[in-house]
């Protein structure tokens, strides 16, 4: 897994349990592929990613989804460029 976020690819970024999948920090509207290219993904267990209760998981939890995209943007800007460059690449700013 190519990630510019963490070097710890075997443990869930959110709870520390063994990772079972990847979470793309920026997703939706074709942005998942860009997130994949840019390394904006983190290891996740299935519970934290999409099968836990709404309060426990990222997907279908509007606050967690928004925070995920904000974190992705901050990391992208610190690694690749500025806010305007992010906006051009991803179509909007989450900050």
Protein backbone atom coordinates (compact mmCIF):
# COMPACT_ATOMS: atom_id res chain seq x y z
CA UNK A 1 0.00 0.00 0.00
CA UNK A 2 1.39 3.39 -1.00
CA UNK A 3 0.47 5.89 1.72
CA UNK A 4 1.88 9.33 2.38
CA UNK A 5 -0.08 9.37 5.64
CA UNK A 6 1.40 6.50 7.67
CA UNK A 7 4.14 3.92 7.44
CA UNK A 8 2.19 1.51 9.66
CA UNK A 9 0.22 -0.40 7.05
CA UNK A 10 -0.65 -3.45 9.14
CA UNK A 11 -2.70 -1.72 11.85
CA UNK A 12 -5.95 0.23 11.68
CA UNK A 13 -5.24 3.95 11.54
CA UNK A 14 -8.28 4.62 13.73
CA UNK A 15 -8.30 1.95 16.47
CA UNK A 16 -4.96 0.11 16.25
CA UNK A 17 -6.41 -3.35 15.58
CA UNK A 18 -5.12 -5.40 12.63
CA UNK A 19 -5.93 -3.75 9.30
CA UNK A 20 -8.26 -5.57 6.91
CA UNK A 21 -8.75 -2.96 4.20
CA UNK A 22 -7.82 0.55 3.08
CA UNK A 23 -9.69 3.79 3.56
CA UNK A 24 -9.19 6.49 0.93
CA UNK A 25 -9.24 9.82 2.74
CA UNK A 26 -10.81 11.57 -0.24
CA UNK A 27 -13.51 9.59 -2.02
CA UNK A 28 -16.62 10.02 -4.13
CA UNK A 29 -17.18 11.66 -7.52
CA UNK A 30 -14.13 10.00 -9.10
CA UNK A 31 -11.79 11.19 -6.34
CA UNK A 32 -11.03 7.69 -5.06
CA UNK A 33 -8.72 7.06 -8.04
CA UNK A 34 -6.91 10.36 -7.45
CA UNK A 35 -6.60 9.52 -3.76
CA UNK A 36 -5.11 6.16 -4.75
CA UNK A 37 -2.57 7.83 -7.07
CA UNK A 38 -1.60 10.39 -4.43
CA UNK A 39 -1.25 7.91 -1.55
CA UNK A 40 -4.09 9.47 0.44
CA UNK A 41 -5.20 6.25 2.07
CA UNK A 42 -4.82 4.62 5.45
CA UNK A 43 -5.11 1.05 6.70
CA UNK A 44 -8.38 0.29 8.44
CA UNK A 45 -10.22 -2.56 10.09
CA UNK A 46 -13.62 -3.34 8.60
CA UNK A 47 -15.43 -2.10 11.72
CA UNK A 48 -13.88 1.35 11.53
CA UNK A 49 -14.21 1.48 7.75
CA UNK A 50 -17.77 0.46 6.97
CA UNK A 51 -19.35 -2.31 9.05
CA UNK A 52 -19.42 -0.91 12.60
CA UNK A 53 -22.35 1.08 13.89
CA UNK A 54 -22.73 4.50 12.28
CA UNK A 55 -20.92 6.19 15.15
CA UNK A 56 -17.99 3.71 14.89
CA UNK A 57 -17.33 3.81 11.13
CA UNK A 58 -16.11 6.36 8.60
CA UNK A 59 -18.60 5.70 5.79
CA UNK A 60 -22.21 6.84 6.26
CA UNK A 61 -21.08 9.00 9.19
CA UNK A 62 -21.21 12.55 7.84
CA UNK A 63 -18.86 14.07 10.44
CA UNK A 64 -16.26 11.31 10.06
CA UNK A 65 -16.44 11.55 6.26
CA UNK A 66 -15.92 15.31 6.38
CA UNK A 67 -12.98 14.99 8.78
CA UNK A 68 -11.46 12.31 6.54
CA UNK A 69 -11.56 14.65 3.55
CA UNK A 70 -10.19 17.56 5.58
CA UNK A 71 -7.28 15.42 6.80
CA UNK A 72 -6.63 14.25 3.25
CA UNK A 73 -6.48 17.83 1.99
CA UNK A 74 -4.12 18.99 4.75
CA UNK A 75 -1.77 16.08 4.10
CA UNK A 76 -1.95 16.57 0.31
CA UNK A 77 -1.16 20.28 0.62
CA UNK A 78 1.81 19.61 2.92
CA UNK A 79 3.19 17.02 0.49
CA UNK A 80 2.28 18.23 -3.03
CA UNK A 81 1.30 21.89 -3.16
CA UNK A 82 -1.04 24.62 -2.04
CA UNK A 83 -4.79 24.93 -1.65
CA UNK A 84 -5.38 26.16 -5.19
CA UNK A 85 -3.46 23.18 -6.61
CA UNK A 86 -5.59 20.86 -4.45
CA UNK A 87 -8.77 22.55 -5.68
CA UNK A 88 -7.69 22.09 -9.30
CA UNK A 89 -6.91 18.40 -8.74
CA UNK A 90 -9.92 17.44 -6.60
CA UNK A 91 -12.48 20.01 -7.77
CA UNK A 92 -13.07 21.67 -4.40
CA UNK A 93 -11.59 22.52 -1.03
CA UNK A 94 -12.72 20.75 2.13
CA UNK A 95 -11.19 23.39 4.41
